[in-house]
Amino acid sequence: MTTLYDFEALQINGKPIALKKFKGKAMLIVNTASACGFTPQFAGLEELHKTYADQGLVVLGFPCNQFGAQDSGSNDEIADFCQMNYGVSFPMMAKVDVNGSDAHPLYQWMAQEAPGLLGSKSIKWNFTKFLIGKDGSVLKRYAPTDTPESLRKDIEAALG
């Protein structure tokens, strides 16, 4: 069975990271954008990170420029933006595609494991969120309109 721990990603600084590093942690994985109507969710994601990190939650941000070209900057520019505007201290990954033939394998797998509305496999917009259990399986997919604060109950259950 495939789990999150079978994947690798590039950190925003360009260095690879094996996601098995997070084994035993609950995770919230989000495709982010710096110039989106949902961009203020960075503040809520940072709050979740600060509140639950000690209990085992890892928030991972994956910048994506596939929706309205709303994250067109370089990885360095994105990192600076997130830090300066929202104080983001959770791990940010390098920019990825989340749909199409060049979609990051992690996103291909998560979309397959937790389809969206009407069984759709594609990611519809920035700030789609996936909650991953401590065993590396996808527990739930959330729409961009689902605020980070609204996920607290599910996160607490996943941290169990």
N, C-alpha and C. Protein backbone atom coordinates (compact mmCIF):
# COMPACT_ATOMS: atom_id res chain seq x y z
N MET A 1 0.84 -1.19 0.00
CA MET A 1 0.00 0.00 0.00
C MET A 1 0.89 1.26 0.00
N THR A 2 0.53 2.20 -0.83
CA THR A 2 1.26 3.46 -0.90
C THR A 2 0.84 4.37 0.24
N THR A 3 1.81 5.05 0.83
CA THR A 3 1.52 6.06 1.86
C THR A 3 2.32 7.31 1.53
N LEU A 4 2.05 8.36 2.28
CA LEU A 4 2.78 9.61 2.13
C LEU A 4 4.29 9.38 2.22
N TYR A 5 4.68 8.41 3.03
CA TYR A 5 6.10 8.18 3.30
C TYR A 5 6.86 7.62 2.11
N ASP A 6 6.15 7.26 1.04
CA ASP A 6 6.79 6.75 -0.16
C ASP A 6 7.26 7.88 -1.09
N PHE A 7 6.98 9.12 -0.73
CA PHE A 7 7.26 10.25 -1.62
C PHE A 7 8.39 11.12 -1.10
N GLU A 8 8.98 11.85 -2.03
CA GLU A 8 9.98 12.87 -1.72
C GLU A 8 9.48 14.19 -2.29
N ALA A 9 10.04 15.27 -1.82
CA ALA A 9 9.72 16.59 -2.36
C ALA A 9 10.98 17.45 -2.27
N LEU A 10 10.96 18.55 -2.95
CA LEU A 10 12.03 19.54 -2.82
C LEU A 10 11.56 20.61 -1.86
N GLN A 11 12.41 20.93 -0.90
CA GLN A 11 12.10 22.04 -0.01
C GLN A 11 12.25 23.34 -0.80
N ILE A 12 11.72 24.42 -0.26
CA ILE A 12 11.73 25.68 -0.99
C ILE A 12 13.17 26.16 -1.27
N ASN A 13 14.12 25.66 -0.48
CA ASN A 13 15.53 26.00 -0.71
C ASN A 13 16.18 25.09 -1.76
N GLY A 14 15.38 24.19 -2.35
CA GLY A 14 15.88 23.31 -3.41
C GLY A 14 16.45 21.99 -2.94
N LYS A 15 16.53 21.79 -1.64
CA LYS A 15 17.08 20.54 -1.11
C LYS A 15 15.98 19.48 -1.01
N PRO A 16 16.28 18.24 -1.43
CA PRO A 16 15.27 17.19 -1.36
C PRO A 16 15.02 16.76 0.09
N ILE A 17 13.78 16.31 0.31
CA ILE A 17 13.43 15.77 1.62
C ILE A 17 12.54 14.54 1.41
N ALA A 18 12.87 13.47 2.08
CA ALA A 18 12.03 12.27 2.06
C ALA A 18 10.91 12.49 3.07
N LEU A 19 9.68 12.33 2.62
CA LEU A 19 8.55 12.59 3.51
C LEU A 19 8.43 11.56 4.63
N LYS A 20 9.18 10.47 4.53
CA LYS A 20 9.21 9.51 5.64
C LYS A 20 9.82 10.15 6.89
N LYS A 21 10.46 11.29 6.72
CA LYS A 21 10.98 12.05 7.86
C LYS A 21 9.85 12.40 8.84
N PHE A 22 8.62 12.48 8.33
CA PHE A 22 7.48 12.87 9.14
C PHE A 22 6.66 11.67 9.62
N LYS A 23 7.23 10.49 9.55
CA LYS A 23 6.52 9.27 9.96
C LYS A 23 6.01 9.42 11.39
N GLY A 24 4.75 9.02 11.59
CA GLY A 24 4.15 9.09 12.91
C GLY A 24 3.52 10.42 13.24
N LYS A 25 3.56 11.37 12.31
CA LYS A 25 2.95 12.69 12.53
C LYS A 25 1.70 12.80 11.67
N ALA A 26 0.74 13.58 12.14
CA ALA A 26 -0.40 13.97 11.30
C ALA A 26 0.07 15.16 10.47
N MET A 27 -0.43 15.26 9.26
CA MET A 27 0.03 16.33 8.38
C MET A 27 -1.14 17.01 7.69
N LEU A 28 -0.96 18.29 7.44
CA LEU A 28 -1.91 19.06 6.63
C LEU A 28 -1.10 19.59 5.45
N ILE A 29 -1.45 19.13 4.26
CA ILE A 29 -0.71 19.51 3.05
C ILE A 29 -1.60 20.43 2.21
N VAL A 30 -1.03 21.57 1.83
CA VAL A 30 -1.81 22.63 1.19
C VAL A 30 -1.07 23.16 -0.03
N ASN A 31 -1.78 23.29 -1.17
CA ASN A 31 -1.19 23.99 -2.31
C ASN A 31 -1.49 25.48 -2.13
N THR A 32 -0.44 26.26 -2.04
CA THR A 32 -0.56 27.67 -1.67
C THR A 32 -0.31 28.59 -2.86
N ALA A 33 -0.64 29.87 -2.67
CA ALA A 33 -0.36 30.91 -3.66
C ALA A 33 -0.24 32.23 -2.93
N SER A 34 0.63 33.08 -3.44
CA SER A 34 0.93 34.36 -2.78
C SER A 34 0.00 35.50 -3.17
N ALA A 35 -0.74 35.34 -4.27
CA ALA A 35 -1.58 36.45 -4.75
C ALA A 35 -3.00 35.98 -5.04
N CYS A 36 -3.56 35.26 -4.10
CA CYS A 36 -4.88 34.64 -4.24
C CYS A 36 -5.82 35.24 -3.19
N GLY A 37 -7.10 35.21 -3.46
CA GLY A 37 -8.07 35.65 -2.47
C GLY A 37 -8.00 34.84 -1.18
N PHE A 38 -7.47 33.62 -1.27
CA PHE A 38 -7.35 32.76 -0.10
C PHE A 38 -5.99 32.89 0.59
N THR A 39 -5.09 33.72 0.05
CA THR A 39 -3.74 33.87 0.61
C THR A 39 -3.75 34.19 2.11
N PRO A 40 -4.72 34.99 2.62
CA PRO A 40 -4.75 35.23 4.07
C PRO A 40 -4.86 33.95 4.92
N GLN A 41 -5.20 32.81 4.29
CA GLN A 41 -5.23 31.55 5.04
C GLN A 41 -3.85 31.16 5.56
N PHE A 42 -2.78 31.76 5.01
CA PHE A 42 -1.45 31.51 5.57
C PHE A 42 -1.44 31.78 7.08
N ALA A 43 -2.14 32.83 7.50
CA ALA A 43 -2.18 33.18 8.94
C ALA A 43 -2.82 32.04 9.74
N GLY A 44 -3.91 31.50 9.26
CA GLY A 44 -4.58 30.40 9.94
C GLY A 44 -3.76 29.12 9.92
N LEU A 45 -3.07 28.87 8.81
CA LEU A 45 -2.21 27.70 8.74
C LEU A 45 -1.06 27.81 9.73
N GLU A 46 -0.50 29.02 9.84
CA GLU A 46 0.58 29.25 10.81
C GLU A 46 0.06 29.05 12.24
N GLU A 47 -1.16 29.49 12.48
CA GLU A 47 -1.76 29.32 13.82
C GLU A 47 -1.94 27.84 14.14
N LEU A 48 -2.42 27.05 13.16
CA LEU A 48 -2.53 25.60 13.37
C LEU A 48 -1.16 24.99 13.66
N HIS A 49 -0.16 25.43 12.91
CA HIS A 49 1.20 24.93 13.11
C HIS A 49 1.67 25.23 14.54
N LYS A 50 1.49 26.46 14.97
CA LYS A 50 1.94 26.83 16.32
C LYS A 50 1.17 26.09 17.40
N THR A 51 -0.12 25.92 17.20
CA THR A 51 -0.97 25.29 18.21
C THR A 51 -0.71 23.79 18.35
N TYR A 52 -0.52 23.11 17.21
CA TYR A 52 -0.50 21.65 17.23
C TYR A 52 0.85 20.99 16.92
N ALA A 53 1.87 21.76 16.63
CA ALA A 53 3.17 21.15 16.28
C ALA A 53 3.69 20.27 17.42
N ASP A 54 3.56 20.73 18.65
CA ASP A 54 4.05 19.95 19.79
C ASP A 54 3.28 18.65 19.99
N GLN A 55 2.06 18.59 19.42
CA GLN A 55 1.25 17.38 19.52
C GLN A 55 1.46 16.46 18.31
N GLY A 56 2.26 16.92 17.35
CA GLY A 56 2.59 16.06 16.22
C GLY A 56 2.02 16.46 14.87
N LEU A 57 1.52 17.68 14.72
CA LEU A 57 1.02 18.13 13.42
C LEU A 57 2.14 18.80 12.64
N VAL A 58 2.25 18.45 11.36
CA VAL A 58 3.15 19.13 10.44
C VAL A 58 2.30 19.73 9.33
N VAL A 59 2.41 21.04 9.13
CA VAL A 59 1.79 21.71 8.00
C VAL A 59 2.85 21.82 6.91
N LEU A 60 2.51 21.42 5.70
CA LEU A 60 3.42 21.55 4.56
C LEU A 60 2.75 22.39 3.48
N GLY A 61 3.42 23.44 3.04
CA GLY A 61 2.91 24.27 1.96
C GLY A 61 3.62 23.97 0.66
N PHE A 62 2.85 23.79 -0.39
CA PHE A 62 3.39 23.55 -1.72
C PHE A 62 2.91 24.67 -2.64
N PRO A 63 3.73 25.69 -2.89
CA PRO A 63 3.33 26.76 -3.80
C PRO A 63 3.00 26.19 -5.19
N CYS A 64 2.01 26.79 -5.82
CA CYS A 64 1.57 26.33 -7.13
C CYS A 64 1.15 27.55 -7.96
N ASN A 65 1.53 27.58 -9.21
CA ASN A 65 1.21 28.70 -10.09
C ASN A 65 0.20 28.30 -11.16
N GLN A 66 -0.54 27.21 -10.97
CA GLN A 66 -1.45 26.71 -12.01
C GLN A 66 -2.81 27.38 -12.01
N PHE A 67 -3.13 28.18 -11.03
CA PHE A 67 -4.46 28.77 -10.94
C PHE A 67 -4.35 30.29 -11.03
N GLY A 68 -4.63 30.84 -12.19
CA GLY A 68 -4.61 32.28 -12.36
C GLY A 68 -3.22 32.89 -12.21
N ALA A 69 -2.17 32.10 -12.40
CA ALA A 69 -0.79 32.59 -12.27
C ALA A 69 -0.62 33.40 -10.98
N GLN A 70 -1.14 32.85 -9.86
CA GLN A 70 -1.16 33.57 -8.60
C GLN A 70 0.04 33.30 -7.70
N ASP A 71 1.03 32.59 -8.23
CA ASP A 71 2.29 32.42 -7.51
C ASP A 71 3.43 32.35 -8.52
N SER A 72 3.62 33.45 -9.23
CA SER A 72 4.56 33.49 -10.35
C SER A 72 6.01 33.74 -9.92
N GLY A 73 6.23 34.08 -8.67
CA GLY A 73 7.58 34.39 -8.20
C GLY A 73 8.47 33.17 -8.10
N SER A 74 9.74 33.43 -7.86
CA SER A 74 10.70 32.34 -7.64
C SER A 74 10.47 31.74 -6.26
N ASN A 75 11.07 30.59 -6.01
CA ASN A 75 10.96 29.98 -4.68
C ASN A 75 11.48 30.93 -3.60
N ASP A 76 12.58 31.62 -3.87
CA ASP A 76 13.12 32.58 -2.89
C ASP A 76 12.13 33.71 -2.62
N GLU A 77 11.50 34.22 -3.68
CA GLU A 77 10.52 35.31 -3.52
C GLU A 77 9.31 34.82 -2.72
N ILE A 78 8.87 33.60 -3.00
CA ILE A 78 7.73 33.03 -2.27
C ILE A 78 8.07 32.87 -0.79
N ALA A 79 9.26 32.35 -0.52
CA ALA A 79 9.68 32.16 0.88
C ALA A 79 9.72 33.50 1.61
N ASP A 80 10.28 34.51 0.96
CA ASP A 80 10.34 35.85 1.58
C ASP A 80 8.94 36.40 1.83
N PHE A 81 8.06 36.25 0.85
CA PHE A 81 6.68 36.74 0.99
C PHE A 81 5.99 36.07 2.18
N CYS A 82 6.08 34.76 2.26
CA CYS A 82 5.40 34.01 3.34
C CYS A 82 5.93 34.42 4.71
N GLN A 83 7.23 34.59 4.81
CA GLN A 83 7.84 34.96 6.08
C GLN A 83 7.49 36.40 6.46
N MET A 84 7.66 37.33 5.53
CA MET A 84 7.45 38.75 5.83
C MET A 84 5.98 39.07 6.11
N ASN A 85 5.06 38.48 5.35
CA ASN A 85 3.65 38.86 5.45
C ASN A 85 2.86 38.03 6.45
N TYR A 86 3.29 36.78 6.68
CA TYR A 86 2.49 35.90 7.54
C TYR A 86 3.31 35.20 8.61
N GLY A 87 4.61 35.46 8.67
CA GLY A 87 5.45 34.83 9.69
C GLY A 87 5.49 33.33 9.58
N VAL A 88 5.34 32.81 8.37
CA VAL A 88 5.27 31.36 8.17
C VAL A 88 6.55 30.69 8.68
N SER A 89 6.37 29.75 9.59
CA SER A 89 7.50 28.99 10.12
C SER A 89 7.35 27.50 9.82
N PHE A 90 6.19 27.09 9.26
CA PHE A 90 6.04 25.69 8.87
C PHE A 90 6.78 25.46 7.55
N PRO A 91 7.14 24.20 7.26
CA PRO A 91 7.93 23.92 6.06
C PRO A 91 7.20 24.28 4.77
N MET A 92 7.90 25.01 3.92
CA MET A 92 7.40 25.30 2.58
C MET A 92 8.26 24.51 1.60
N MET A 93 7.61 23.94 0.62
CA MET A 93 8.29 23.15 -0.41
C MET A 93 8.50 24.03 -1.64
N ALA A 94 9.26 23.52 -2.58
CA ALA A 94 9.46 24.21 -3.85
C ALA A 94 8.15 24.19 -4.64
N LYS A 95 7.99 25.16 -5.53
CA LYS A 95 6.79 25.27 -6.35
C LYS A 95 6.58 23.99 -7.15
N VAL A 96 5.33 23.54 -7.23
CA VAL A 96 4.97 22.32 -7.96
C VAL A 96 3.72 22.57 -8.80
N ASP A 97 3.49 21.66 -9.74
CA ASP A 97 2.19 21.54 -10.39
C ASP A 97 1.39 20.52 -9.60
N VAL A 98 0.09 20.76 -9.47
CA VAL A 98 -0.78 19.83 -8.75
C VAL A 98 -1.75 19.10 -9.68
N ASN A 99 -1.83 19.55 -10.92
CA ASN A 99 -2.69 18.93 -11.94
C ASN A 99 -1.89 18.70 -13.21
N GLY A 100 -2.40 17.80 -14.04
CA GLY A 100 -1.81 17.58 -15.35
C GLY A 100 -0.68 16.57 -15.34
N SER A 101 -0.06 16.43 -16.50
CA SER A 101 0.97 15.40 -16.68
C SER A 101 2.23 15.70 -15.86
N ASP A 102 2.43 16.96 -15.50
CA ASP A 102 3.61 17.32 -14.71
C ASP A 102 3.29 17.47 -13.21
N ALA A 103 2.10 17.04 -12.81
CA ALA A 103 1.73 17.14 -11.40
C ALA A 103 2.70 16.34 -10.54
N HIS A 104 3.04 16.90 -9.38
CA HIS A 104 3.93 16.20 -8.45
C HIS A 104 3.29 14.85 -8.10
N PRO A 105 4.07 13.78 -8.06
CA PRO A 105 3.52 12.46 -7.74
C PRO A 105 2.73 12.43 -6.43
N LEU A 106 3.14 13.21 -5.44
CA LEU A 106 2.40 13.27 -4.18
C LEU A 106 0.97 13.75 -4.43
N TYR A 107 0.83 14.79 -5.24
CA TYR A 107 -0.50 15.32 -5.53
C TYR A 107 -1.33 14.37 -6.39
N GLN A 108 -0.68 13.66 -7.30
CA GLN A 108 -1.40 12.65 -8.07
C GLN A 108 -1.99 11.60 -7.13
N TRP A 109 -1.17 11.17 -6.18
CA TRP A 109 -1.61 10.14 -5.23
C TRP A 109 -2.71 10.66 -4.31
N MET A 110 -2.52 11.85 -3.73
CA MET A 110 -3.53 12.38 -2.80
C MET A 110 -4.87 12.59 -3.50
N ALA A 111 -4.85 13.12 -4.73
CA ALA A 111 -6.10 13.34 -5.46
C ALA A 111 -6.81 12.03 -5.77
N GLN A 112 -6.04 10.98 -6.01
CA GLN A 112 -6.61 9.65 -6.25
C GLN A 112 -7.22 9.09 -4.96
N GLU A 113 -6.53 9.29 -3.85
CA GLU A 113 -6.96 8.75 -2.55
C GLU A 113 -8.18 9.48 -1.99
N ALA A 114 -8.28 10.77 -2.26
CA ALA A 114 -9.39 11.58 -1.71
C ALA A 114 -9.92 12.49 -2.82
N PRO A 115 -10.77 11.93 -3.68
CA PRO A 115 -11.33 12.74 -4.77
C PRO A 115 -12.16 13.91 -4.22
N GLY A 116 -12.28 14.91 -5.05
CA GLY A 116 -13.06 16.09 -4.67
C GLY A 116 -14.54 15.91 -4.97
N LEU A 117 -15.21 17.02 -5.08
CA LEU A 117 -16.65 17.06 -5.34
C LEU A 117 -16.99 16.24 -6.58
N LEU A 118 -18.02 15.42 -6.48
CA LEU A 118 -18.49 14.56 -7.57
C LEU A 118 -17.40 13.62 -8.09
N GLY A 119 -16.47 13.26 -7.22
CA GLY A 119 -15.43 12.31 -7.59
C GLY A 119 -14.30 12.86 -8.43
N SER A 120 -14.25 14.17 -8.56
CA SER A 120 -13.20 14.81 -9.36
C SER A 120 -11.82 14.53 -8.77
N LYS A 121 -10.87 14.18 -9.64
CA LYS A 121 -9.50 13.92 -9.18
C LYS A 121 -8.65 15.19 -9.21
N SER A 122 -9.04 16.17 -10.02
CA SER A 122 -8.21 17.36 -10.15
C SER A 122 -8.36 18.29 -8.93
N ILE A 123 -7.32 19.06 -8.72
CA ILE A 123 -7.35 20.10 -7.69
C ILE A 123 -8.00 21.31 -8.35
N LYS A 124 -9.01 21.88 -7.69
CA LYS A 124 -9.79 22.95 -8.31
C LYS A 124 -9.18 24.34 -8.17
N TRP A 125 -8.45 24.59 -7.08
CA TRP A 125 -7.92 25.94 -6.87
C TRP A 125 -6.86 25.91 -5.77
N ASN A 126 -6.23 27.05 -5.57
CA ASN A 126 -5.26 27.22 -4.50
C ASN A 126 -5.90 26.95 -3.14
N PHE A 127 -5.10 26.51 -2.22
CA PHE A 127 -5.49 26.26 -0.83
C PHE A 127 -6.46 25.09 -0.67
N THR A 128 -6.38 24.12 -1.59
CA THR A 128 -7.01 22.82 -1.36
C THR A 128 -6.12 22.14 -0.32
N LYS A 129 -6.75 21.48 0.65
CA LYS A 129 -6.01 20.92 1.78
C LYS A 129 -6.26 19.42 1.89
N PHE A 130 -5.22 18.69 2.29
CA PHE A 130 -5.32 17.26 2.54
C PHE A 130 -4.83 16.99 3.94
N LEU A 131 -5.64 16.28 4.74
CA LEU A 131 -5.24 15.85 6.07
C LEU A 131 -4.74 14.42 5.97
N ILE A 132 -3.53 14.22 6.47
CA ILE A 132 -2.86 12.92 6.41
C ILE A 132 -2.75 12.37 7.84
N GLY A 133 -3.11 11.09 8.01
CA GLY A 133 -3.04 10.47 9.32
C GLY A 133 -1.62 10.09 9.70
N LYS A 134 -1.45 9.73 10.96
CA LYS A 134 -0.13 9.35 11.47
C LYS A 134 0.44 8.13 10.76
N ASP A 135 -0.42 7.35 10.10
CA ASP A 135 0.02 6.17 9.36
C ASP A 135 0.40 6.50 7.91
N GLY A 136 0.29 7.78 7.52
CA GLY A 136 0.66 8.19 6.17
C GLY A 136 -0.46 8.09 5.16
N SER A 137 -1.68 7.76 5.61
CA SER A 137 -2.81 7.66 4.68
C SER A 137 -3.57 8.99 4.63
N VAL A 138 -4.25 9.21 3.50
CA VAL A 138 -5.07 10.42 3.35
C VAL A 138 -6.37 10.22 4.12
N LEU A 139 -6.64 11.12 5.06
CA LEU A 139 -7.87 11.04 5.84
C LEU A 139 -9.00 11.83 5.19
N LYS A 140 -8.68 13.03 4.68
CA LYS A 140 -9.75 13.90 4.18
C LYS A 140 -9.17 14.97 3.27
N ARG A 141 -10.00 15.40 2.34
CA ARG A 141 -9.68 16.51 1.44
C ARG A 141 -10.63 17.66 1.77
N TYR A 142 -10.09 18.88 1.75
CA TYR A 142 -10.87 20.07 2.06
C TYR A 142 -10.79 21.06 0.90
N ALA A 143 -11.89 21.76 0.69
CA ALA A 143 -11.97 22.77 -0.36
C ALA A 143 -11.18 24.02 0.04
N PRO A 144 -10.81 24.84 -0.95
CA PRO A 144 -10.14 26.10 -0.65
C PRO A 144 -10.94 27.00 0.29
N THR A 145 -12.26 26.91 0.23
CA THR A 145 -13.11 27.74 1.09
C THR A 145 -13.14 27.26 2.53
N ASP A 146 -12.68 26.03 2.80
CA ASP A 146 -12.61 25.54 4.18
C ASP A 146 -11.43 26.24 4.86
N THR A 147 -11.73 27.02 5.87
CA THR A 147 -10.68 27.77 6.55
C THR A 147 -9.84 26.84 7.43
N PRO A 148 -8.59 27.21 7.67
CA PRO A 148 -7.77 26.39 8.57
C PRO A 148 -8.45 26.19 9.93
N GLU A 149 -9.08 27.22 10.45
CA GLU A 149 -9.73 27.13 11.77
C GLU A 149 -10.82 26.06 11.78
N SER A 150 -11.50 25.87 10.64
CA SER A 150 -12.61 24.91 10.58
C SER A 150 -12.11 23.46 10.60
N LEU A 151 -10.82 23.25 10.49
CA LEU A 151 -10.25 21.90 10.45
C LEU A 151 -9.82 21.39 11.82
N ARG A 152 -9.91 22.24 12.83
CA ARG A 152 -9.37 21.90 14.16
C ARG A 152 -9.90 20.56 14.70
N LYS A 153 -11.19 20.33 14.59
CA LYS A 153 -11.78 19.10 15.14
C LYS A 153 -11.17 17.87 14.47
N ASP A 154 -11.06 17.93 13.14
CA ASP A 154 -10.49 16.79 12.41
C ASP A 154 -9.01 16.63 12.73
N ILE A 155 -8.28 17.74 12.86
CA ILE A 155 -6.86 17.66 13.20
C ILE A 155 -6.68 17.04 14.58
N GLU A 156 -7.49 17.47 15.52
CA GLU A 156 -7.40 16.91 16.88
C GLU A 156 -7.70 15.40 16.87
N ALA A 157 -8.67 14.98 16.07
CA ALA A 157 -8.98 13.55 15.94
C ALA A 157 -7.79 12.81 15.34
N ALA A 158 -7.17 13.40 14.32
CA ALA A 158 -6.03 12.75 13.66
C ALA A 158 -4.84 12.65 14.61
N LEU A 159 -4.70 13.62 15.49
CA LEU A 159 -3.61 13.59 16.46
C LEU A 159 -3.88 12.60 17.58
N GLY A 160 -5.19 12.35 17.81
CA GLY A 160 -5.71 11.37 18.76
C GLY A 160 -4.87 11.12 19.92
